[in-house]
C-alpha atoms as a PDB file:
ATOM      1  CA  MET A   1      25.221 -24.182  22.719  1.00  0.00           C
ATOM      2  CA  TYR A   2      24.293 -20.849  21.821  1.00  0.00           C
ATOM      3  CA  HIS A   3      20.926 -21.852  20.405  1.00  0.00           C
ATOM      4  CA  PHE A   4      19.511 -23.259  23.612  1.00  0.00           C
ATOM      5  CA  PRO A   5      18.966 -20.352  25.275  1.00  0.00           C
ATOM      6  CA  LYS A   6      16.892 -19.012  22.795  1.00  0.00           C
ATOM      7  CA  LYS A   7      13.981 -21.018  23.626  1.00  0.00           C
ATOM      8  CA  PHE A   8      13.852 -19.231  27.100  1.00  0.00           C
ATOM      9  CA  SER A   9      13.034 -15.663  25.203  1.00  0.00           C
ATOM     10  CA  ASP A  10       9.614 -17.194  24.094  1.00  0.00           C
ATOM     11  CA  ALA A  11       6.764 -14.632  25.842  1.00  0.00           C
ATOM     12  CA  GLN A  12       5.088 -18.011  27.258  1.00  0.00           C
ATOM     13  CA  PHE A  13       8.482 -18.581  29.496  1.00  0.00           C
ATOM     14  CA  TYR A  14       9.690 -14.940  30.123  1.00  0.00           C
ATOM     15  CA  PRO A  15       7.168 -14.135  32.985  1.00  0.00           C
ATOM     16  CA  ASN A  16       7.817 -17.809  34.865  1.00  0.00           C
ATOM     17  CA  PHE A  17      10.456 -17.482  37.160  1.00  0.00           C
ATOM     18  CA  PHE A  18      11.261 -20.052  39.624  1.00  0.00           C
ATOM     19  CA  LYS A  19      13.623 -20.482  42.244  1.00  0.00           C
ATOM     20  CA  PHE A  20      15.688 -23.342  44.157  1.00  0.00           C
ATOM     21  CA  SER A  21      13.962 -24.715  47.504  1.00  0.00           C
ATOM     22  CA  HIS A  22      14.078 -27.178  49.693  1.00  0.00           C
ATOM     23  CA  ASP A  23      11.790 -28.924  52.528  1.00  0.00           C
ATOM     24  CA  ALA A  24      13.930 -28.418  55.086  1.00  0.00           C
ATOM     25  CA  LYS A  25      16.932 -25.774  54.095  1.00  0.00           C
ATOM     26  CA  LEU A  26      17.889 -24.144  51.094  1.00  0.00           C
ATOM     27  CA  GLU A  27      21.423 -25.271  51.507  1.00  0.00           C
ATOM     28  CA  LEU A  28      20.584 -28.790  51.248  1.00  0.00           C
ATOM     29  CA  ASN A  29      19.564 -28.324  47.558  1.00  0.00           C
ATOM     30  CA  GLU A  30      22.145 -30.179  45.635  1.00  0.00           C
ATOM     31  CA  VAL A  31      21.945 -28.009  42.623  1.00  0.00           C
ATOM     32  CA  TYR A  32      21.668 -24.854  44.246  1.00  0.00           C
ATOM     33  CA  ASN A  33      25.121 -25.857  46.203  1.00  0.00           C
ATOM     34  CA  TYR A  34      26.601 -26.797  42.762  1.00  0.00           C
ATOM     35  CA  CYS A  35      25.702 -23.546  41.267  1.00  0.00           C
ATOM     36  CA  GLN A  36      26.920 -21.674  43.804  1.00  0.00           C
ATOM     37  CA  GLN A  37      30.515 -23.142  43.635  1.00  0.00           C
ATOM     38  CA  ILE A  38      30.420 -22.253  39.684  1.00  0.00           C
ATOM     39  CA  PHE A  39      29.263 -18.965  40.893  1.00  0.00           C
ATOM     40  CA  THR A  40      31.924 -18.402  43.167  1.00  0.00           C
ATOM     41  CA  ASP A  41      34.751 -20.226  40.971  1.00  0.00           C
ATOM     42  CA  ALA A  42      34.195 -20.457  37.353  1.00  0.00           C
ATOM     43  CA  SER A  43      36.851 -22.807  36.510  1.00  0.00           C
ATOM     44  CA  SER A  44      34.802 -25.686  38.300  1.00  0.00           C
ATOM     45  CA  LEU A  45      32.340 -25.736  35.690  1.00  0.00           C
ATOM     46  CA  PHE A  46      33.596 -29.238  34.690  1.00  0.00           C
ATOM     47  CA  ALA A  47      33.607 -30.773  38.216  1.00  0.00           C
ATOM     48  CA  GLN A  48      30.654 -29.414  39.230  1.00  0.00           C
ATOM     49  CA  SER A  49      29.143 -30.267  35.854  1.00  0.00           C
ATOM     50  CA  VAL A  50      29.800 -33.990  37.128  1.00  0.00           C
ATOM     51  CA  ASN A  51      28.178 -33.496  40.008  1.00  0.00           C
ATOM     52  CA  ILE A  52      24.830 -32.127  38.702  1.00  0.00           C
ATOM     53  CA  SER A  53      24.750 -35.255  35.769  1.00  0.00           C
ATOM     54  CA  LYS A  54      25.249 -37.471  39.019  1.00  0.00           C
ATOM     55  CA  HIS A  55      22.463 -35.843  40.791  1.00  0.00           C
ATOM     56  CA  LEU A  56      20.452 -35.997  37.519  1.00  0.00           C
ATOM     57  CA  TYR A  57      20.920 -39.892  37.068  1.00  0.00           C
ATOM     58  CA  ASN A  58      19.986 -40.567  40.780  1.00  0.00           C
ATOM     59  CA  GLN A  59      16.597 -38.715  40.177  1.00  0.00           C
ATOM     60  CA  SER A  60      15.622 -40.121  37.140  1.00  0.00           C
ATOM     61  CA  THR A  61      13.968 -43.150  38.662  1.00  0.00           C
ATOM     62  CA  HIS A  62      10.984 -42.925  36.902  1.00  0.00           C
ATOM     63  CA  PRO A  63      10.327 -45.577  34.222  1.00  0.00           C
ATOM     64  CA  LYS A  64       9.415 -43.426  31.684  1.00  0.00           C
ATOM     65  CA  VAL A  65      12.253 -41.052  32.071  1.00  0.00           C
ATOM     66  CA  ARG A  66      13.993 -41.110  28.543  1.00  0.00           C
ATOM     67  CA  SER A  67      18.069 -41.055  28.359  1.00  0.00           C
ATOM     68  CA  GLY A  68      19.628 -38.279  26.060  1.00  0.00           C
ATOM     69  CA  GLU A  69      22.493 -35.954  25.935  1.00  0.00           C
ATOM     70  CA  PHE A  70      23.171 -33.549  29.163  1.00  0.00           C
ATOM     71  CA  TYR A  71      24.949 -30.153  28.808  1.00  0.00           C
ATOM     72  CA  VAL A  72      25.924 -27.509  30.949  1.00  0.00           C
ATOM     73  CA  ALA A  73      27.356 -23.934  29.925  1.00  0.00           C
ATOM     74  CA  TYR A  74      28.212 -20.900  31.503  1.00  0.00           C
ATOM     75  CA  PHE A  75      26.843 -17.584  29.857  1.00  0.00           C
ATOM     76  CA  SER A  76      28.256 -14.110  30.814  1.00  0.00           C
ATOM     77  CA  ASP A  77      26.908 -10.410  30.860  1.00  0.00           C
ATOM     78  CA  CYS A  78      23.187 -11.987  30.485  1.00  0.00           C
ATOM     79  CA  VAL A  79      20.499  -9.044  30.741  1.00  0.00           C
ATOM     80  CA  LEU A  80      17.785  -9.375  33.147  1.00  0.00           C
ATOM     81  CA  ASP A  81      15.528  -6.979  34.314  1.00  0.00           C
ATOM     82  CA  ASP A  82      18.274  -4.287  33.261  1.00  0.00           C
ATOM     83  CA  GLU A  83      20.776  -6.124  35.351  1.00  0.00           C
ATOM     84  CA  ILE A  84      23.779  -7.262  33.927  1.00  0.00           C
ATOM     85  CA  VAL A  85      24.997 -10.857  35.522  1.00  0.00           C
ATOM     86  CA  ASP A  86      26.336 -14.263  34.459  1.00  0.00           C
ATOM     87  CA  ALA A  87      23.983 -17.589  33.919  1.00  0.00           C
ATOM     88  CA  ILE A  88      24.263 -21.465  34.346  1.00  0.00           C
ATOM     89  CA  GLY A  89      22.580 -23.525  31.530  1.00  0.00           C
ATOM     90  CA  ILE A  90      21.372 -26.542  32.367  1.00  0.00           C
ATOM     91  CA  PHE A  91      19.993 -28.957  28.932  1.00  0.00           C
ATOM     92  CA  LYS A  92      18.997 -32.419  28.414  1.00  0.00           C
ATOM     93  CA  SER A  93      17.941 -33.322  24.861  1.00  0.00           C
ATOM     94  CA  GLU A  94      16.134 -36.472  24.750  1.00  0.00           C
ATOM     95  CA  ASN A  95      14.756 -36.599  20.892  1.00  0.00           C
ATOM     96  CA  LYS A  96      16.896 -36.682  17.731  1.00  0.00           C
ATOM     97  CA  ASP A  97      15.976 -35.887  13.895  1.00  0.00           C
ATOM     98  CA  THR A  98      16.863 -37.738  10.964  1.00  0.00           C
ATOM     99  CA  TYR A  99      19.108 -35.404   8.633  1.00  0.00           C
ATOM    100  CA  LEU A 100      19.783 -35.586   4.817  1.00  0.00           C
ATOM    101  CA  LYS A 101      23.563 -35.163   4.227  1.00  0.00           C
ATOM    102  CA  PRO A 102      24.479 -34.932   0.649  1.00  0.00           C
ATOM    103  CA  ILE A 103      27.528 -35.881  -0.698  1.00  0.00           C
ATOM    104  CA  GLU A 104      29.383 -34.889  -3.954  1.00  0.00           C
ATOM    105  CA  ARG A 105      31.817 -37.174  -5.153  1.00  0.00           C
ATOM    106  CA  ASN A 106      33.087 -37.493  -9.101  1.00  0.00           C
ATOM    107  CA  ASN A 107      30.376 -35.861 -10.381  1.00  0.00           C
ATOM    108  CA  GLU A 108      27.620 -37.726  -8.562  1.00  0.00           C
ATOM    109  CA  VAL A 109      25.984 -37.287  -5.653  1.00  0.00           C
ATOM    110  CA  THR A 110      25.091 -39.628  -2.942  1.00  0.00           C
ATOM    111  CA  ILE A 111      22.758 -38.855   0.165  1.00  0.00           C
ATOM    112  CA  ASN A 112      23.391 -40.106   3.718  1.00  0.00           C
ATOM    113  CA  TYR A 113      21.365 -39.396   6.544  1.00  0.00           C
ATOM    114  CA  GLU A 114      22.967 -38.800  10.328  1.00  0.00           C
ATOM    115  CA  SER A 115      20.986 -38.556  13.345  1.00  0.00           C
ATOM    116  CA  GLY A 116      21.468 -35.118  15.394  1.00  0.00           C
ATOM    117  CA  ILE A 117      20.024 -33.059  17.617  1.00  0.00           C
ATOM    118  CA  ASN A 118      17.693 -30.141  16.561  1.00  0.00           C
ATOM    119  CA  VAL A 119      18.937 -26.894  17.748  1.00  0.00           C
ATOM    120  CA  ARG A 120      15.182 -25.747  17.589  1.00  0.00           C
ATOM    121  CA  LYS A 121      14.035 -28.038  19.864  1.00  0.00           C
ATOM    122  CA  LEU A 122      14.830 -28.331  23.575  1.00  0.00           C
ATOM    123  CA  ASP A 123      13.504 -31.273  25.905  1.00  0.00           C
ATOM    124  CA  LYS A 124      14.397 -29.712  29.125  1.00  0.00           C
ATOM    125  CA  GLY A 125      16.665 -26.943  30.388  1.00  0.00           C
ATOM    126  CA  CYS A 126      16.883 -24.147  32.903  1.00  0.00           C
ATOM    127  CA  LEU A 127      18.600 -21.088  32.889  1.00  0.00           C
ATOM    128  CA  ILE A 128      20.235 -20.117  36.613  1.00  0.00           C
ATOM    129  CA  PHE A 129      21.127 -16.254  36.845  1.00  0.00           C
ATOM    130  CA  ASN A 130      23.698 -14.910  39.304  1.00  0.00           C
ATOM    131  CA  THR A 131      20.553 -12.849  41.408  1.00  0.00           C
ATOM    132  CA  ALA A 132      18.736 -13.117  44.287  1.00  0.00           C
ATOM    133  CA  ALA A 133      21.319 -15.888  45.733  1.00  0.00           C
ATOM    134  CA  THR A 134      20.186 -16.193  49.303  1.00  0.00           C
ATOM    135  CA  GLU A 135      16.709 -16.599  48.003  1.00  0.00           C
ATOM    136  CA  GLY A 136      17.375 -19.561  45.812  1.00  0.00           C
ATOM    137  CA  TYR A 137      18.467 -17.525  42.553  1.00  0.00           C
ATOM    138  CA  ARG A 138      16.466 -17.015  39.573  1.00  0.00           C
ATOM    139  CA  MET A 139      15.679 -19.162  36.919  1.00  0.00           C
ATOM    140  CA  LEU A 140      14.022 -19.963  34.071  1.00  0.00           C
ATOM    141  CA  VAL A 141      12.746 -23.532  33.347  1.00  0.00           C
ATOM    142  CA  VAL A 142      11.692 -25.541  30.418  1.00  0.00           C
ATOM    143  CA  ASP A 143      10.308 -29.059  30.840  1.00  0.00           C
ATOM    144  CA  LYS A 144       8.618 -30.233  27.771  1.00  0.00           C
ATOM    145  CA  GLN A 145       6.957 -33.705  27.877  1.00  0.00           C
ATOM    146  CA  SER A 146       5.756 -35.862  25.098  1.00  0.00           C
ATOM    147  CA  LYS A 147       1.691 -35.518  24.445  1.00  0.00           C
ATOM    148  CA  GLY A 148      -0.031 -37.953  26.587  1.00  0.00           C
ATOM    149  CA  SER A 149       3.027 -39.053  28.134  1.00  0.00           C
ATOM    150  CA  SER A 150       2.516 -40.171  31.845  1.00  0.00           C
ATOM    151  CA  GLU A 151       6.296 -38.929  32.655  1.00  0.00           C
ATOM    152  CA  ALA A 152       6.873 -37.605  36.020  1.00  0.00           C
ATOM    153  CA  GLN A 153       7.954 -34.022  36.210  1.00  0.00           C
ATOM    154  CA  TYR A 154      11.120 -35.386  37.755  1.00  0.00           C
ATOM    155  CA  TRP A 155      13.200 -32.334  36.061  1.00  0.00           C
ATOM    156  CA  ARG A 156      11.448 -29.321  37.891  1.00  0.00           C
ATOM    157  CA  ASP A 157      10.256 -31.540  40.951  1.00  0.00           C
ATOM    158  CA  ASP A 158      13.103 -33.862  41.862  1.00  0.00           C
ATOM    159  CA  PHE A 159      16.108 -33.037  39.906  1.00  0.00           C
ATOM    160  CA  LEU A 160      16.098 -28.987  39.918  1.00  0.00           C
ATOM    161  CA  HIS A 161      13.752 -28.852  43.417  1.00  0.00           C
ATOM    162  CA  THR A 162      12.162 -25.847  42.195  1.00  0.00           C
ATOM    163  CA  GLU A 163       9.050 -23.202  43.311  1.00  0.00           C
ATOM    164  CA  ARG A 164       7.659 -20.289  41.832  1.00  0.00           C
ATOM    165  CA  VAL A 165       8.883 -17.198  42.750  1.00  0.00           C
ATOM    166  CA  HIS A 166       6.286 -14.847  44.388  1.00  0.00           C
ATOM    167  CA  ASP A 167       6.425 -12.126  42.068  1.00  0.00           C
ATOM    168  CA  ARG A 168       3.943  -9.624  40.373  1.00  0.00           C
ATOM    169  CA  ALA A 169       3.713 -12.127  37.483  1.00  0.00           C
ATOM    170  CA  PHE A 170       2.925 -15.091  39.625  1.00  0.00           C
ATOM    171  CA  THR A 171       0.562 -12.705  41.429  1.00  0.00           C
ATOM    172  CA  THR A 172      -1.342 -11.639  38.270  1.00  0.00           C
ATOM    173  CA  GLN A 173      -1.784 -15.149  37.022  1.00  0.00           C
ATOM    174  CA  ASN A 174      -3.103 -16.688  40.272  1.00  0.00           C
ATOM    175  CA  TYR A 175      -5.810 -13.373  40.355  1.00  0.00           C
ATOM    176  CA  ILE A 176      -6.798 -14.115  37.222  1.00  0.00           C
ATOM    177  CA  GLN A 177      -7.136 -17.923  37.868  1.00  0.00           C
ATOM    178  CA  LEU A 178      -9.013 -17.130  40.956  1.00  0.00           C
ATOM    179  CA  CYS A 179     -11.718 -15.075  38.799  1.00  0.00           C
ATOM    180  CA  SER A 180     -11.948 -17.995  36.456  1.00  0.00           C
ATOM    181  CA  ALA A 181     -12.606 -20.455  39.544  1.00  0.00           C
ATOM    182  CA  PHE A 182     -15.166 -17.533  40.770  1.00  0.00           C
ATOM    183  CA  CYS A 183     -16.780 -17.809  37.249  1.00  0.00           C
ATOM    184  CA  ASP A 184     -17.249 -21.394  37.376  1.00  0.00           C
ATOM    185  CA  GLU A 185     -18.696 -21.121  41.062  1.00  0.00           C
ATOM    186  CA  ILE A 186     -21.413 -18.558  40.044  1.00  0.00           C
ATOM    187  CA  SER A 187     -22.306 -19.772  36.567  1.00  0.00           C
ATOM    188  CA  PRO A 188     -25.381 -21.555  37.929  1.00  0.00           C
ATOM    189  CA  GLU A 189     -26.813 -18.026  38.806  1.00  0.00           C
ATOM    190  CA  MET A 190     -25.691 -16.707  35.202  1.00  0.00           C
ATOM    191  CA  GLU A 191     -28.173 -16.458  32.298  1.00  0.00           C
ATOM    192  CA  GLY A 192     -25.867 -19.185  29.730  1.00  0.00           C
ATOM    193  CA  LYS A 193     -22.900 -18.989  28.703  1.00  0.00           C
ATOM    194  CA  LYS A 194     -22.871 -15.273  27.510  1.00  0.00           C
ATOM    195  CA  GLU A 195     -22.720 -13.915  30.798  1.00  0.00           C
ATOM    196  CA  GLU A 196     -19.742 -16.230  31.431  1.00  0.00           C
ATOM    197  CA  VAL A 197     -17.826 -15.289  28.761  1.00  0.00           C
ATOM    198  CA  LEU A 198     -18.495 -11.273  29.162  1.00  0.00           C
ATOM    199  CA  PHE A 199     -17.631 -11.898  33.175  1.00  0.00           C
ATOM    200  CA  MET A 200     -14.087 -13.226  32.348  1.00  0.00           C
ATOM    201  CA  SER A 201     -13.932 -10.786  29.264  1.00  0.00           C
ATOM    202  CA  LYS A 202     -14.518  -7.845  31.701  1.00  0.00           C
ATOM    203  CA  SER A 203     -12.288  -9.455  34.635  1.00  0.00           C
ATOM    204  CA  ILE A 204      -9.065  -9.624  32.015  1.00  0.00           C
ATOM    205  CA  ASN A 205      -9.686  -6.176  30.722  1.00  0.00           C
ATOM    206  CA  TYR A 206      -9.292  -4.521  34.212  1.00  0.00           C
ATOM    207  CA  PHE A 207      -6.216  -6.119  34.526  1.00  0.00           C
ATOM    208  CA  ALA A 208      -5.214  -5.354  30.741  1.00  0.00           C
ATOM    209  CA  GLU A 209      -6.066  -1.397  31.358  1.00  0.00           C
ATOM    210  CA  HIS A 210      -4.641  -1.063  34.738  1.00  0.00           C
ATOM    211  CA  ASP A 211      -0.957  -0.839  36.317  1.00  0.00           C
ATOM    212  CA  ASN A 212      -2.037  -1.303  39.531  1.00  0.00           C
ATOM    213  CA  PHE A 213      -4.550  -4.062  40.866  1.00  0.00           C
ATOM    214  CA  ASP A 214      -6.659  -2.822  43.749  1.00  0.00           C
ATOM    215  CA  VAL A 215      -9.464  -5.498  45.048  1.00  0.00           C
ATOM    216  CA  GLU A 216     -11.884  -2.899  46.378  1.00  0.00           C
ATOM    217  CA  ASP A 217     -11.825  -1.081  42.624  1.00  0.00           C
ATOM    218  CA  PHE A 218     -11.832  -4.183  40.939  1.00  0.00           C
ATOM    219  CA  ALA A 219     -14.888  -5.625  42.610  1.00  0.00           C
ATOM    220  CA  GLU A 220     -16.351  -2.405  42.050  1.00  0.00           C
ATOM    221  CA  THR A 221     -16.034  -2.093  38.650  1.00  0.00           C
ATOM    222  CA  VAL A 222     -16.170  -5.638  37.264  1.00  0.00           C
ATOM    223  CA  LEU A 223     -18.641  -6.807  39.542  1.00  0.00           C
ATOM    224  CA  GLU A 224     -20.611  -3.828  40.457  1.00  0.00           C
ATOM    225  CA  GLU A 225     -23.668  -5.377  42.229  1.00  0.00           C
ATOM    226  CA  GLY A 226     -23.367  -5.141  46.248  1.00  0.00           C
ATOM    227  CA  SER A 227     -24.169  -8.964  46.731  1.00  0.00           C
ATOM    228  CA  ARG A 228     -21.836 -10.255  43.927  1.00  0.00           C
ATOM    229  CA  ILE A 229     -19.084  -8.043  45.608  1.00  0.00           C
ATOM    230  CA  VAL A 230     -19.843  -9.611  48.897  1.00  0.00           C
ATOM    231  CA  GLU A 231     -19.522 -13.331  47.309  1.00  0.00           C
ATOM    232  CA  PHE A 232     -16.614 -12.614  45.506  1.00  0.00           C
ATOM    233  CA  LYS A 233     -14.345 -11.702  48.242  1.00  0.00           C
ATOM    234  CA  LYS A 234     -15.577 -14.339  50.744  1.00  0.00           C
ATOM    235  CA  PHE A 235     -15.021 -16.830  47.758  1.00  0.00           C
ATOM    236  CA  LYS A 236     -11.703 -15.369  47.887  1.00  0.00           C
ATOM    237  CA  GLU A 237     -10.571 -15.984  51.412  1.00  0.00           C
ATOM    238  CA  GLN A 238     -11.836 -19.695  50.802  1.00  0.00           C
ATOM    239  CA  TYR A 239      -9.958 -20.137  47.406  1.00  0.00           C
ATOM    240  CA  GLU A 240      -6.594 -18.619  48.957  1.00  0.00           C
ATOM    241  CA  ALA A 241      -7.223 -21.165  51.900  1.00  0.00           C
ATOM    242  CA  GLU A 242      -7.808 -24.327  49.880  1.00  0.00           C
ATOM    243  CA  ASN A 243      -4.630 -23.096  47.818  1.00  0.00           C
ATOM    244  CA  GLY A 244      -2.093 -22.036  50.252  1.00  0.00           C
ATOM    245  CA  LEU A 245      -2.281 -18.307  48.792  1.00  0.00           C
ATOM    246  CA  GLU A 246      -2.283 -15.087  50.445  1.00  0.00           C
ATOM    247  CA  GLN A 247      -3.046 -12.734  47.872  1.00  0.00           C
ATOM    248  CA  PRO A 248      -2.397  -8.980  48.277  1.00  0.00           C
ATOM    249  CA  ASP A 249      -5.268  -6.343  47.849  1.00  0.00           C
ATOM    250  CA  LEU A 250      -3.019  -4.071  45.988  1.00  0.00           C
ATOM    251  CA  PHE A 251       0.054  -4.821  44.052  1.00  0.00           C
ATOM    252  CA  GLN A 252       1.533  -4.283  40.464  1.00  0.00           C
ATOM    253  CA  ILE A 253       0.516  -5.933  37.451  1.00  0.00           C
ATOM    254  CA  SER A 254       2.276  -7.908  34.804  1.00  0.00           C
ATOM    255  CA  GLN A 255       1.152  -7.232  31.624  1.00  0.00           C
ATOM    256  CA  PRO A 256       3.160  -9.737  29.825  1.00  0.00           C
ATOM    257  CA  MET A 257       1.308 -12.165  32.317  1.00  0.00           C
ATOM    258  CA  VAL A 258      -1.873 -10.994  31.302  1.00  0.00           C
ATOM    259  CA  LYS A 259      -1.678 -11.471  27.764  1.00  0.00           C
ATOM    260  CA  GLN A 260      -0.306 -14.677  28.583  1.00  0.00           C
ATOM    261  CA  MET A 261      -3.306 -15.748  30.095  1.00  0.00           C
ATOM    262  CA  LYS A 262      -5.829 -14.155  28.032  1.00  0.00           C
ATOM    263  CA  ARG A 263      -4.530 -16.477  25.461  1.00  0.00           C
ATOM    264  CA  LYS A 264      -6.292 -19.217  27.394  1.00  0.00           C
ATOM    265  CA  PHE A 265      -9.956 -17.968  27.671  1.00  0.00           C
ATOM    266  CA  LYS A 266     -12.554 -18.547  25.131  1.00  0.00           C
ATOM    267  CA  ASN A 267     -14.466 -15.837  24.185  1.00  0.00           C
ATOM    268  CA  GLN A 268     -17.142 -18.059  21.856  1.00  0.00           C
ATOM    269  CA  ILE A 269     -20.303 -19.198  22.606  1.00  0.00           C
ATOM    270  CA  GLN A 270     -20.750 -22.862  20.518  1.00  0.00           C
ATOM    271  CA  LEU A 271     -24.372 -24.202  20.319  1.00  0.00           C
ATOM    272  CA  ASP A 272     -25.784 -27.754  19.754  1.00  0.00           C
ATOM    273  CA  THR A 273     -27.052 -26.391  16.416  1.00  0.00           C
ATOM    274  CA  GLY A 274     -23.677 -25.902  14.679  1.00  0.00           C
ATOM    275  CA  ILE A 275     -23.248 -22.438  15.389  1.00  0.00           C
ATOM    276  CA  GLU A 276     -20.634 -20.152  16.905  1.00  0.00           C
ATOM    277  CA  LEU A 277     -20.668 -16.953  18.285  1.00  0.00           C
ATOM    278  CA  LYS A 278     -17.689 -15.196  19.040  1.00  0.00           C
ATOM    279  CA  LEU A 279     -18.040 -11.948  21.432  1.00  0.00           C
ATOM    280  CA  SER A 280     -15.421  -8.923  20.793  1.00  0.00           C
ATOM    281  CA  GLY A 281     -15.227  -8.071  24.740  1.00  0.00           C
ATOM    282  CA  GLU A 282     -17.958  -6.833  27.086  1.00  0.00           C
ATOM    283  CA  ALA A 283     -18.766  -4.003  24.337  1.00  0.00           C
ATOM    284  CA  ALA A 284     -21.093  -6.533  22.762  1.00  0.00           C
ATOM    285  CA  ASP A 285     -23.245  -6.946  25.610  1.00  0.00           C
ATOM    286  CA  PRO A 286     -26.056  -4.428  24.456  1.00  0.00           C
ATOM    287  CA  TYR A 287     -26.270  -5.787  21.172  1.00  0.00           C
ATOM    288  CA  ILE A 288     -26.646  -9.641  21.964  1.00  0.00           C
ATOM    289  CA  ILE A 289     -29.979 -10.642  23.748  1.00  0.00           C
ATOM    290  CA  ARG A 290     -30.456 -14.221  25.115  1.00  0.00           C
ATOM    291  CA  GLY A 291     -34.335 -15.922  25.140  1.00  0.00           C
ATOM    292  CA  TYR A 292     -36.570 -18.682  25.286  1.00  0.00           C
ATOM    293  CA  ASP A 293     -38.943 -19.244  22.532  1.00  0.00           C
ATOM    294  CA  GLU A 294     -41.962 -21.268  23.781  1.00  0.00           C
ATOM    295  CA  GLU A 295     -43.130 -22.497  20.260  1.00  0.00           C
ATOM    296  CA  ARG A 296     -39.810 -24.215  19.485  1.00  0.00           C
ATOM    297  CA  LYS A 297     -38.582 -24.946  23.327  1.00  0.00           C
ATOM    298  CA  MET A 298     -35.529 -23.509  22.784  1.00  0.00           C
ATOM    299  CA  PHE A 299     -33.195 -21.253  23.398  1.00  0.00           C
ATOM    300  CA  PHE A 300     -32.235 -18.544  21.057  1.00  0.00           C
ATOM    301  CA  TYR A 301     -29.589 -15.124  20.487  1.00  0.00           C
ATOM    302  CA  LYS A 302     -30.993 -12.148  19.131  1.00  0.00           C
ATOM    303  CA  VAL A 303     -27.922 -10.206  17.660  1.00  0.00           C
ATOM    304  CA  PHE A 304     -28.482  -6.135  16.518  1.00  0.00           C
ATOM    305  CA  PHE A 305     -25.854  -4.879  13.964  1.00  0.00           C
ATOM    306  CA  THR A 306     -25.907  -1.749  11.944  1.00  0.00           C
ATOM    307  CA  ASP A 307     -23.525  -3.527   8.859  1.00  0.00           C
ATOM    308  CA  GLU A 308     -21.825  -6.952   7.779  1.00  0.00           C
ATOM    309  CA  ALA A 309     -17.784  -6.995   7.453  1.00  0.00           C
END
């Protein structure tokens, strides 16, 4: 059981905090209630684990849901944002690996194989921390699905019934996604992929280089043009309305989330002639020019440099 929580220390999980929720009332969330009782009386762990497992069974109605081993554990003295709290771990392992087991007997070695759980892999799990109880606690969630699987997200949606905590990581992520959506919106007005790559690079660099976000400063720094600033603010209002968001104009930026989101955006331009250009941020802008060759009837990029690496 010690090995499973290690999966939550990965950078990809750290910024994404969830909490229990319910469409009508938080107290009607079954797992939330069972966890509340465990935190109140740790000796009730086994009894409440039975209730949690029954609830999971009742929610596993999708034909693609796999069977597996189920575990509930109690962890003491966990450090969460400089606060020491207890936590409940709920884990489900759906896949087994084959292990070779050498046995030496009478100067002979025979090899058997056994099927078991790989402690380096975790299919589904969550860590519920005993903090912000009235808001639905704070939790980290792993919900690994097989590649190409049509399996429903029953673990997060039906079993746990969670929603993202609207903290600075959530706001940072949504603003970067907003910038990406705005880039797609104005891409027909841009001069090729170069401008798209540089726009997203400039946007993400703003988040990486600032501790706090100010939408007015962002617009003037990244967009510069007055007409583009007006267009961005109008798009922001529309984006928030369509996605049910209300993004603050001022907030503290989450740098772990910036690093996570930065990995998702490509700074490459792939051409149909088998050439790939990689731009290392907005600093490359003055040294690459896009044009059109009338004789060949083809677009081209002209690149300036002093030395080759």
